[in-house]
C-alpha atoms as a PDB file:
ATOM      1  CA  MET A   1     175.992  70.158  95.350  1.00  0.00           C
ATOM      2  CA  ASP A   2     174.736  67.606  92.913  1.00  0.00           C
ATOM      3  CA  ALA A   3     178.165  66.562  91.731  1.00  0.00           C
ATOM      4  CA  HIS A   4     179.217  66.245  95.840  1.00  0.00           C
ATOM      5  CA  LEU A   5     176.254  63.734  95.876  1.00  0.00           C
ATOM      6  CA  GLN A   6     176.619  61.400  93.434  1.00  0.00           C
ATOM      7  CA  GLN A   7     180.207  61.100  94.008  1.00  0.00           C
ATOM      8  CA  ALA A   8     179.294  60.598  97.603  1.00  0.00           C
ATOM      9  CA  ASN A   9     176.447  58.220  96.625  1.00  0.00           C
ATOM     10  CA  ARG A  10     179.092  55.989  94.643  1.00  0.00           C
ATOM     11  CA  LEU A  11     181.577  56.232  97.429  1.00  0.00           C
ATOM     12  CA  LYS A  12     178.623  54.959  99.819  1.00  0.00           C
ATOM     13  CA  LEU A  13     177.713  51.963  97.122  1.00  0.00           C
ATOM     14  CA  GLU A  14     181.606  50.800  97.024  1.00  0.00           C
ATOM     15  CA  LEU A  15     181.084  50.578 100.697  1.00  0.00           C
ATOM     16  CA  GLN A  16     178.795  48.527 101.060  1.00  0.00           C
ATOM     17  CA  GLY A  17     179.879  46.123  98.424  1.00  0.00           C
ATOM     18  CA  ASP A  18     182.625  46.001 100.100  1.00  0.00           C
ATOM     19  CA  MET A  19     180.840  45.538 103.598  1.00  0.00           C
ATOM     20  CA  GLY A  20     179.405  42.424 102.182  1.00  0.00           C
ATOM     21  CA  MET A  21     182.914  40.729 101.243  1.00  0.00           C
ATOM     22  CA  LEU A  22     184.096  41.128 104.928  1.00  0.00           C
ATOM     23  CA  GLY A  23     184.548  37.495 106.531  1.00  0.00           C
ATOM     24  CA  GLY A  24     187.254  35.291 108.432  1.00  0.00           C
ATOM     25  CA  SER A  25     189.538  35.708 104.868  1.00  0.00           C
ATOM     26  CA  ALA A  26     189.645  39.376 104.657  1.00  0.00           C
ATOM     27  CA  SER A  27     192.886  40.319 104.121  1.00  0.00           C
ATOM     28  CA  GLU A  28     194.270  43.086 106.227  1.00  0.00           C
ATOM     29  CA  SER A  29     194.715  45.478 103.557  1.00  0.00           C
ATOM     30  CA  PHE A  30     191.526  44.887 102.582  1.00  0.00           C
ATOM     31  CA  GLU A  31     190.188  46.146 106.011  1.00  0.00           C
ATOM     32  CA  LYS A  32     192.323  49.097 105.284  1.00  0.00           C
ATOM     33  CA  GLY A  33     190.836  50.183 102.092  1.00  0.00           C
ATOM     34  CA  ILE A  34     187.574  50.094 104.032  1.00  0.00           C
ATOM     35  CA  GLU A  35     188.609  52.794 106.866  1.00  0.00           C
ATOM     36  CA  GLY A  36     189.836  54.882 104.327  1.00  0.00           C
ATOM     37  CA  LYS A  37     186.847  54.764 102.116  1.00  0.00           C
ATOM     38  CA  LEU A  38     184.638  55.372 105.745  1.00  0.00           C
ATOM     39  CA  GLU A  39     186.817  58.178 106.598  1.00  0.00           C
ATOM     40  CA  GLN A  40     186.138  59.854 102.910  1.00  0.00           C
ATOM     41  CA  LEU A  41     183.133  59.437 103.049  1.00  0.00           C
ATOM     42  CA  THR A  42     182.725  60.929 106.759  1.00  0.00           C
ATOM     43  CA  GLN A  43     184.766  64.304 105.321  1.00  0.00           C
ATOM     44  CA  CYS A  44     181.978  63.882 101.969  1.00  0.00           C
ATOM     45  CA  CYS A  45     179.002  64.578 104.250  1.00  0.00           C
ATOM     46  CA  GLU A  46     180.916  67.238 106.387  1.00  0.00           C
ATOM     47  CA  ARG A  47     181.067  69.367 103.124  1.00  0.00           C
ATOM     48  CA  LEU A  48     178.096  68.593 101.994  1.00  0.00           C
ATOM     49  CA  VAL A  49     176.536  69.965 104.894  1.00  0.00           C
ATOM     50  CA  ILE A  50     178.705  73.204 104.450  1.00  0.00           C
ATOM     51  CA  SER A  51     177.978  73.399 101.194  1.00  0.00           C
ATOM     52  CA  LEU A  52     173.682  73.167 102.482  1.00  0.00           C
ATOM     53  CA  ASN A  53     173.623  76.391 103.959  1.00  0.00           C
ATOM     54  CA  LYS A  54     174.682  77.793 101.029  1.00  0.00           C
ATOM     55  CA  GLU A  55     171.663  76.327  98.803  1.00  0.00           C
ATOM     56  CA  PRO A  56     168.889  78.674  97.671  1.00  0.00           C
ATOM     57  CA  ALA A  57     166.100  78.353 100.869  1.00  0.00           C
ATOM     58  CA  ALA A  58     164.047  76.905  97.794  1.00  0.00           C
ATOM     59  CA  ARG A  59     166.224  73.577  97.865  1.00  0.00           C
ATOM     60  CA  ARG A  60     168.011  73.347 100.629  1.00  0.00           C
ATOM     61  CA  HIS A  61     165.075  71.769 102.349  1.00  0.00           C
ATOM     62  CA  GLY A  62     165.261  68.792  99.252  1.00  0.00           C
ATOM     63  CA  TYR A  63     168.814  68.670  99.697  1.00  0.00           C
ATOM     64  CA  LYS A  64     169.027  68.276 103.146  1.00  0.00           C
ATOM     65  CA  VAL A  65     167.234  65.403 103.536  1.00  0.00           C
ATOM     66  CA  LYS A  66     169.552  63.469 101.328  1.00  0.00           C
ATOM     67  CA  VAL A  67     172.655  64.702 103.340  1.00  0.00           C
ATOM     68  CA  ASP A  68     170.597  63.355 106.802  1.00  0.00           C
ATOM     69  CA  GLN A  69     169.868  59.658 105.011  1.00  0.00           C
ATOM     70  CA  LEU A  70     173.744  59.919 103.349  1.00  0.00           C
ATOM     71  CA  GLN A  71     175.034  60.411 107.190  1.00  0.00           C
ATOM     72  CA  ASP A  72     172.611  58.356 108.127  1.00  0.00           C
ATOM     73  CA  ASP A  73     173.574  55.513 105.922  1.00  0.00           C
ATOM     74  CA  CYS A  74     177.826  56.341 107.039  1.00  0.00           C
ATOM     75  CA  GLN A  75     177.144  55.726 110.878  1.00  0.00           C
ATOM     76  CA  GLY A  76     175.069  52.462 110.399  1.00  0.00           C
ATOM     77  CA  MET A  77     177.885  51.346 107.642  1.00  0.00           C
ATOM     78  CA  ARG A  78     180.920  52.230 110.729  1.00  0.00           C
ATOM     79  CA  ASN A  79     179.429  50.928 113.502  1.00  0.00           C
ATOM     80  CA  GLY A  80     178.640  47.698 111.288  1.00  0.00           C
ATOM     81  CA  TYR A  81     182.699  47.772 110.872  1.00  0.00           C
ATOM     82  CA  MET A  82     183.062  48.467 114.522  1.00  0.00           C
ATOM     83  CA  GLU A  83     181.358  45.738 115.446  1.00  0.00           C
ATOM     84  CA  TYR A  84     183.125  43.475 112.705  1.00  0.00           C
ATOM     85  CA  THR A  85     186.227  44.153 114.130  1.00  0.00           C
ATOM     86  CA  ARG A  86     185.440  43.734 118.032  1.00  0.00           C
ATOM     87  CA  ARG A  87     184.158  40.064 117.144  1.00  0.00           C
ATOM     88  CA  LYS A  88     187.307  39.293 115.113  1.00  0.00           C
ATOM     89  CA  ASP A  89     190.081  40.592 117.615  1.00  0.00           C
ATOM     90  CA  ILE A  90     187.334  38.555 119.738  1.00  0.00           C
ATOM     91  CA  GLN A  91     188.328  35.729 118.557  1.00  0.00           C
ATOM     92  CA  LYS A  92     191.943  36.130 117.714  1.00  0.00           C
ATOM     93  CA  ARG A  93     191.929  36.275 121.486  1.00  0.00           C
ATOM     94  CA  GLU A  94     190.401  33.086 121.751  1.00  0.00           C
ATOM     95  CA  ASP A  95     192.840  31.378 119.247  1.00  0.00           C
ATOM     96  CA  GLN A  96     195.425  32.180 121.136  1.00  0.00           C
ATOM     97  CA  GLN A  97     194.438  31.144 124.757  1.00  0.00           C
ATOM     98  CA  ARG A  98     193.420  27.683 122.463  1.00  0.00           C
ATOM     99  CA  GLU A  99     197.049  27.526 121.178  1.00  0.00           C
ATOM    100  CA  GLU A 100     198.659  28.313 124.263  1.00  0.00           C
ATOM    101  CA  LEU A 101     196.464  25.256 126.412  1.00  0.00           C
ATOM    102  CA  LEU A 102     197.506  22.724 123.371  1.00  0.00           C
ATOM    103  CA  SER A 103     200.913  23.620 123.445  1.00  0.00           C
ATOM    104  CA  GLN A 104     202.077  23.384 127.248  1.00  0.00           C
ATOM    105  CA  ARG A 105     202.468  20.383 128.413  1.00  0.00           C
ATOM    106  CA  PHE A 106     201.602  18.679 131.602  1.00  0.00           C
ATOM    107  CA  THR A 107     201.164  15.641 133.383  1.00  0.00           C
ATOM    108  CA  THR A 108     198.058  14.022 134.821  1.00  0.00           C
ATOM    109  CA  ASN A 109     197.992  14.883 138.964  1.00  0.00           C
ATOM    110  CA  SER A 110     199.930  18.597 138.163  1.00  0.00           C
ATOM    111  CA  ARG A 111     198.552  21.396 140.686  1.00  0.00           C
ATOM    112  CA  ASP A 112     200.009  23.796 138.465  1.00  0.00           C
ATOM    113  CA  THR A 113     198.778  23.317 135.273  1.00  0.00           C
ATOM    114  CA  ALA A 114     195.223  22.203 136.756  1.00  0.00           C
ATOM    115  CA  ILE A 115     195.657  25.742 138.163  1.00  0.00           C
ATOM    116  CA  MET A 116     196.617  27.633 135.120  1.00  0.00           C
ATOM    117  CA  LEU A 117     193.685  25.603 132.941  1.00  0.00           C
ATOM    118  CA  ASP A 118     191.444  26.582 135.553  1.00  0.00           C
ATOM    119  CA  ALA A 119     192.357  30.068 135.378  1.00  0.00           C
ATOM    120  CA  ALA A 120     192.038  29.607 131.630  1.00  0.00           C
ATOM    121  CA  LEU A 121     189.000  28.295 131.559  1.00  0.00           C
ATOM    122  CA  SER A 122     187.788  30.691 133.912  1.00  0.00           C
ATOM    123  CA  GLU A 123     188.586  33.493 131.428  1.00  0.00           C
ATOM    124  CA  ASN A 124     187.708  32.165 128.268  1.00  0.00           C
ATOM    125  CA  SER A 125     183.779  31.807 129.906  1.00  0.00           C
ATOM    126  CA  SER A 126     184.432  35.504 130.962  1.00  0.00           C
ATOM    127  CA  LEU A 127     185.335  36.823 127.392  1.00  0.00           C
ATOM    128  CA  THR A 128     182.363  34.859 126.381  1.00  0.00           C
ATOM    129  CA  SER A 129     179.611  36.271 128.622  1.00  0.00           C
ATOM    130  CA  SER A 130     181.167  40.019 127.868  1.00  0.00           C
ATOM    131  CA  SER A 131     180.949  39.475 124.532  1.00  0.00           C
ATOM    132  CA  SER A 132     177.501  38.053 124.493  1.00  0.00           C
ATOM    133  CA  LEU A 133     176.291  41.381 126.907  1.00  0.00           C
ATOM    134  CA  LEU A 134     177.943  43.257 124.834  1.00  0.00           C
ATOM    135  CA  ASP A 135     176.350  41.850 121.496  1.00  0.00           C
ATOM    136  CA  SER A 136     173.004  42.616 123.662  1.00  0.00           C
ATOM    137  CA  TYR A 137     174.188  45.876 124.569  1.00  0.00           C
ATOM    138  CA  ILE A 138     174.327  46.614 120.967  1.00  0.00           C
ATOM    139  CA  GLU A 139     171.125  45.249 119.571  1.00  0.00           C
ATOM    140  CA  GLN A 140     169.208  47.650 122.258  1.00  0.00           C
ATOM    141  CA  GLY A 141     171.378  50.965 120.845  1.00  0.00           C
ATOM    142  CA  ASN A 142     170.581  49.433 116.927  1.00  0.00           C
ATOM    143  CA  GLY A 143     166.988  49.065 117.767  1.00  0.00           C
ATOM    144  CA  ILE A 144     166.908  52.713 119.706  1.00  0.00           C
ATOM    145  CA  LEU A 145     168.594  54.078 116.641  1.00  0.00           C
ATOM    146  CA  GLY A 146     166.231  52.624 114.521  1.00  0.00           C
ATOM    147  CA  ASN A 147     163.213  53.733 116.364  1.00  0.00           C
ATOM    148  CA  LEU A 148     165.003  57.146 116.479  1.00  0.00           C
ATOM    149  CA  ARG A 149     164.836  57.322 112.778  1.00  0.00           C
ATOM    150  CA  ASP A 150     161.780  56.683 112.587  1.00  0.00           C
ATOM    151  CA  GLN A 151     161.023  59.349 114.652  1.00  0.00           C
ATOM    152  CA  ARG A 152     162.666  61.498 112.516  1.00  0.00           C
ATOM    153  CA  SER A 153     161.100  60.619 109.446  1.00  0.00           C
ATOM    154  CA  ILE A 154     157.331  61.543 111.020  1.00  0.00           C
ATOM    155  CA  PHE A 155     158.932  64.749 111.912  1.00  0.00           C
ATOM    156  CA  LYS A 156     160.310  65.222 108.727  1.00  0.00           C
ATOM    157  CA  ASN A 157     156.819  64.405 107.533  1.00  0.00           C
ATOM    158  CA  ALA A 158     155.080  66.655 109.477  1.00  0.00           C
ATOM    159  CA  HIS A 159     157.477  69.495 109.023  1.00  0.00           C
ATOM    160  CA  ARG A 160     156.952  69.195 105.366  1.00  0.00           C
ATOM    161  CA  ARG A 161     153.572  69.034 105.529  1.00  0.00           C
ATOM    162  CA  MET A 162     152.831  71.885 107.862  1.00  0.00           C
ATOM    163  CA  LEU A 163     155.179  73.585 105.046  1.00  0.00           C
ATOM    164  CA  ASP A 164     152.594  73.245 102.347  1.00  0.00           C
ATOM    165  CA  VAL A 165     149.907  73.670 104.384  1.00  0.00           C
ATOM    166  CA  MET A 166     151.674  77.308 105.434  1.00  0.00           C
ATOM    167  CA  THR A 167     152.293  77.396 101.577  1.00  0.00           C
ATOM    168  CA  THR A 168     148.616  76.716 100.322  1.00  0.00           C
ATOM    169  CA  LEU A 169     147.624  79.478 102.759  1.00  0.00           C
ATOM    170  CA  GLY A 170     149.913  81.912 102.002  1.00  0.00           C
ATOM    171  CA  MET A 171     148.819  81.593  98.542  1.00  0.00           C
ATOM    172  CA  SER A 172     145.669  81.497  99.304  1.00  0.00           C
ATOM    173  CA  ASN A 173     145.215  84.900 100.971  1.00  0.00           C
ATOM    174  CA  THR A 174     147.303  86.192  97.860  1.00  0.00           C
ATOM    175  CA  VAL A 175     144.216  84.847  95.860  1.00  0.00           C
ATOM    176  CA  MET A 176     141.997  86.575  98.388  1.00  0.00           C
ATOM    177  CA  ARG A 177     143.509  89.930  98.359  1.00  0.00           C
ATOM    178  CA  LEU A 178     143.748  89.757  94.867  1.00  0.00           C
ATOM    179  CA  ILE A 179     140.200  89.316  94.403  1.00  0.00           C
ATOM    180  CA  GLU A 180     139.243  91.785  96.870  1.00  0.00           C
ATOM    181  CA  ARG A 181     141.271  94.834  95.015  1.00  0.00           C
ATOM    182  CA  ARG A 182     139.482  93.480  91.585  1.00  0.00           C
ATOM    183  CA  SER A 183     136.098  94.025  93.238  1.00  0.00           C
ATOM    184  CA  THR A 184     137.071  97.283  94.369  1.00  0.00           C
ATOM    185  CA  GLN A 185     138.526  98.249  91.621  1.00  0.00           C
ATOM    186  CA  ASP A 186     134.904  97.087  89.445  1.00  0.00           C
ATOM    187  CA  LYS A 187     133.194  98.672  91.707  1.00  0.00           C
ATOM    188  CA  PHE A 188     135.163 102.365  90.950  1.00  0.00           C
ATOM    189  CA  LEU A 189     134.917 101.197  87.129  1.00  0.00           C
ATOM    190  CA  MET A 190     130.604 100.661  87.509  1.00  0.00           C
ATOM    191  CA  PHE A 191     130.213 103.960  89.265  1.00  0.00           C
ATOM    192  CA  GLY A 192     132.488 106.013  86.916  1.00  0.00           C
ATOM    193  CA  GLY A 193     130.773 104.330  84.211  1.00  0.00           C
ATOM    194  CA  MET A 194     127.298 105.273  85.480  1.00  0.00           C
ATOM    195  CA  ILE A 195     128.516 108.531  85.551  1.00  0.00           C
ATOM    196  CA  LEU A 196     129.562 109.217  82.850  1.00  0.00           C
ATOM    197  CA  SER A 197     126.602 107.877  80.527  1.00  0.00           C
ATOM    198  CA  VAL A 198     124.693 110.377  83.320  1.00  0.00           C
ATOM    199  CA  ILE A 199     127.022 113.344  81.883  1.00  0.00           C
ATOM    200  CA  ILE A 200     126.724 111.876  78.842  1.00  0.00           C
ATOM    201  CA  MET A 201     122.955 111.729  78.784  1.00  0.00           C
ATOM    202  CA  VAL A 202     122.657 115.503  80.251  1.00  0.00           C
ATOM    203  CA  LEU A 203     125.269 116.896  77.746  1.00  0.00           C
ATOM    204  CA  PHE A 204     122.947 115.110  74.703  1.00  0.00           C
ATOM    205  CA  TYR A 205     119.828 116.584  76.083  1.00  0.00           C
ATOM    206  CA  ARG A 206     121.335 120.061  75.868  1.00  0.00           C
ATOM    207  CA  TRP A 207     122.804 119.990  72.386  1.00  0.00           C
ATOM    208  CA  TRP A 208     119.405 118.523  71.111  1.00  0.00           C
ATOM    209  CA  HIS A 209     116.776 121.368  72.910  1.00  0.00           C
ATOM    210  CA  SER A 210     119.517 123.801  72.088  1.00  0.00           C
END
């Protein structure tokens, strides 16, 4: 389990470094490499979830926290890469439309050209509006995801504290039972000692006066 976690964390660090270098100058092969690493990290997380169920109960909780965090990081990087590719596609379409407009030859009073230009401007405006709307939705989704992560952390802490309290109570009950058992044994020893002392005294008295 530890070896799989170390491998997954190394892959995560590589991905984080690659994601930081994404930009307009990123080559297609570089982007394909990121996609491959994302797929590898997803498979590592799936294997870790399967291995988690085979761990002893005493160690399972600690490993589960690490695996959950790794899955969250993987999903966050996947969402970030999807957002990058979406913006890149939009920019590519806008550049193509701009090139088409610049390559067209038209006269000043050409009606067909005016209609084409108006349609292109309208389409570009719609794309810009859609892009802004999608950005807003993505920001809202990221905010919701962040809130869910915070809530899950709170629930995890509460669950961990509850387990600690239950463990403490279990230990306290065990200690109390041991104390009660020891008290009962001490009582038997005391009464037994008293009875034995009386018997010895009676025997000694008889022997002395015989």
